[in-house]
Amino acid sequence: MISSEVTRRVVGDFLRYVRSGREPQRAAEFMASTVRAHQVQSQDLTTVERTPDDYAEHVREMTATWGAFDLTIEEFLVDGARAYVRLSQVGRHLEPVDGIAPTGRTVRQINSVVYHVEDGLITEYWMQIDRAGLLAQLRGDS
């Protein structure tokens, strides 16, 4: 059984260095060779497999879309091999998103993620994304 301390360190460092956009090339230090990513956007569940290289590219795409965004961990709970994280990300809309041309607006995204760690690496995660809130900000509704 993996300790909560290991999970906290692996997930915390992954968020601090990789997910934050600061050092995405370090993804292989924290992720297994294949990670099952379960992503819920509204009612739609999608599961994809990500490699560390694929994830690093995903983070670079986020940086292109949102600029050098600020990532804040709002809540971080750990129990053994699982960590729950609620995070907010604030950036500027610099690239098209869902057919909406870049607005330059500052937007705040809220995500909730549960990470699973085995042998000191993230092997799976479940993410919920507030797409409706994001799109409202991009359209200027909020």
Protein backbone atom coordinates (compact mmCIF):
# COMPACT_ATOMS: atom_id res chain seq x y z
CA MET A 1 0.00 0.00 0.00
CA ILE A 2 1.36 3.39 -0.97
CA SER A 3 1.71 6.00 1.74
CA SER A 4 -0.14 9.28 1.74
CA GLU A 5 3.22 11.06 1.99
CA VAL A 6 4.42 9.58 -1.32
CA THR A 7 1.13 10.45 -3.02
CA ARG A 8 1.22 14.01 -1.67
CA ARG A 9 4.81 14.49 -2.89
CA VAL A 10 4.26 12.99 -6.36
CA VAL A 11 1.01 14.82 -7.07
CA GLY A 12 2.18 18.07 -5.45
CA ASP A 13 5.39 18.13 -7.48
CA PHE A 14 3.52 17.15 -10.66
CA LEU A 15 1.16 20.11 -10.20
CA ARG A 16 3.95 22.49 -9.18
CA TYR A 17 6.28 21.71 -12.07
CA VAL A 18 4.38 20.03 -14.91
CA ARG A 19 0.68 20.98 -14.79
CA SER A 20 1.57 24.57 -13.91
CA GLY A 21 3.30 24.92 -17.26
CA ARG A 22 6.64 25.76 -15.61
CA GLU A 23 8.48 22.54 -16.60
CA PRO A 24 6.19 20.27 -18.66
CA GLN A 25 9.21 18.33 -19.95
CA ARG A 26 9.49 16.76 -16.46
CA ALA A 27 6.23 14.79 -16.88
CA ALA A 28 8.01 11.41 -17.01
CA GLU A 29 9.31 11.99 -13.46
CA PHE A 30 5.75 11.89 -12.13
CA MET A 31 3.69 9.90 -14.64
CA ALA A 32 3.65 6.21 -15.59
CA SER A 33 4.44 5.37 -19.23
CA THR A 34 0.67 5.24 -19.88
CA VAL A 35 -1.90 7.09 -17.77
CA ARG A 36 -5.66 6.60 -18.06
CA ALA A 37 -7.25 10.06 -18.04
CA HIS A 38 -10.99 10.14 -17.34
CA GLN A 39 -12.33 13.58 -18.23
CA VAL A 40 -15.84 14.77 -17.48
CA GLN A 41 -17.01 17.86 -19.34
CA SER A 42 -20.61 18.57 -18.37
CA GLN A 43 -22.30 15.17 -18.66
CA ASP A 44 -19.84 13.69 -21.16
CA LEU A 45 -17.25 11.17 -19.92
CA THR A 46 -14.20 10.61 -22.09
CA THR A 47 -11.27 8.35 -21.28
CA VAL A 48 -7.98 8.80 -23.07
CA GLU A 49 -4.55 7.32 -22.54
CA ARG A 50 -1.76 9.82 -22.05
CA THR A 51 1.97 9.33 -22.14
CA PRO A 52 4.32 11.73 -20.36
CA ASP A 53 5.34 13.21 -23.75
CA ASP A 54 1.70 13.58 -24.79
CA TYR A 55 0.88 15.26 -21.48
CA ALA A 56 3.82 17.65 -21.78
CA GLU A 57 2.57 18.64 -25.25
CA HIS A 58 -0.94 19.11 -23.81
CA VAL A 59 0.48 21.51 -21.20
CA ARG A 60 2.41 23.41 -23.88
CA GLU A 61 -0.88 23.76 -25.82
CA MET A 62 -2.54 25.14 -22.66
CA THR A 63 0.29 27.66 -22.31
CA ALA A 64 -0.19 28.72 -25.94
CA THR A 65 -3.94 29.11 -25.37
CA TRP A 66 -3.85 30.78 -21.94
CA GLY A 67 -0.38 32.34 -21.78
CA ALA A 68 1.76 31.93 -18.67
CA PHE A 69 -1.24 31.06 -16.50
CA ASP A 70 -1.37 31.03 -12.71
CA LEU A 71 -2.30 27.68 -11.17
CA THR A 72 -3.57 27.71 -7.59
CA ILE A 73 -4.29 24.62 -5.53
CA GLU A 74 -7.48 25.46 -3.64
CA GLU A 75 -7.84 22.09 -1.90
CA PHE A 76 -5.52 19.08 -1.67
CA LEU A 77 -6.69 15.96 0.18
CA VAL A 78 -4.73 12.70 0.24
CA ASP A 79 -5.71 9.23 1.37
CA GLY A 80 -3.19 6.50 0.58
CA ALA A 81 -2.77 6.19 -3.19
CA ARG A 82 -5.43 8.80 -4.03
CA ALA A 83 -5.26 12.57 -4.01
CA TYR A 84 -8.17 14.95 -4.57
CA VAL A 85 -7.23 18.38 -5.91
CA ARG A 86 -9.45 21.36 -6.61
CA LEU A 87 -7.50 23.91 -8.58
CA SER A 88 -8.05 27.19 -10.32
CA GLN A 89 -6.18 28.41 -13.35
CA VAL A 90 -6.13 32.05 -14.42
CA GLY A 91 -4.83 33.06 -17.82
CA ARG A 92 -5.61 35.16 -20.89
CA HIS A 93 -7.52 33.84 -23.90
CA LEU A 94 -4.84 33.92 -26.64
CA GLU A 95 -5.87 31.10 -29.03
CA PRO A 96 -9.27 29.92 -30.38
CA VAL A 97 -11.28 27.77 -27.96
CA ASP A 98 -14.40 25.89 -29.09
CA GLY A 99 -14.75 28.15 -32.13
CA ILE A 100 -14.38 31.36 -30.11
CA ALA A 101 -11.63 33.61 -31.49
CA PRO A 102 -9.04 34.93 -29.02
CA THR A 103 -10.52 37.70 -26.89
CA GLY A 104 -7.53 38.59 -24.70
CA ARG A 105 -9.89 38.31 -21.71
CA THR A 106 -8.59 37.05 -18.40
CA VAL A 107 -10.42 33.83 -17.58
CA ARG A 108 -10.55 31.64 -14.49
CA GLN A 109 -11.05 27.90 -14.86
CA ILE A 110 -12.00 25.60 -11.99
CA ASN A 111 -11.13 21.89 -12.14
CA SER A 112 -11.46 19.01 -9.71
CA VAL A 113 -9.12 16.07 -10.15
CA VAL A 114 -8.56 12.77 -8.37
CA TYR A 115 -5.12 11.28 -9.01
CA HIS A 116 -4.13 7.65 -8.39
CA VAL A 117 -0.47 6.88 -7.66
CA GLU A 118 1.25 3.48 -7.92
CA ASP A 119 4.96 2.82 -7.43
CA GLY A 120 5.61 6.54 -7.05
CA LEU A 121 3.97 7.53 -10.37
CA ILE A 122 0.56 8.83 -11.42
CA THR A 123 -1.22 5.99 -13.24
CA GLU A 124 -4.76 7.35 -13.57
CA TYR A 125 -6.80 10.47 -12.98
CA TRP A 126 -10.40 11.64 -13.08
CA MET A 127 -10.98 15.29 -13.99
CA GLN A 128 -14.11 17.42 -13.94
CA ILE A 129 -13.99 20.63 -15.94
CA ASP A 130 -16.39 23.58 -15.67
CA ARG A 131 -16.80 24.12 -19.42
CA ALA A 132 -20.02 26.14 -19.08
CA GLY A 133 -18.27 28.66 -16.80
CA LEU A 134 -15.30 28.87 -19.13
CA LEU A 135 -17.44 29.44 -22.23
CA ALA A 136 -19.51 32.09 -20.43
CA GLN A 137 -16.32 34.01 -19.66
CA LEU A 138 -15.08 33.71 -23.25
CA ARG A 139 -18.39 35.02 -24.59
CA GLY A 140 -18.37 37.86 -22.06
CA ASP A 141 -21.49 36.58 -20.26
CA SER A 142 -19.92 36.87 -16.83
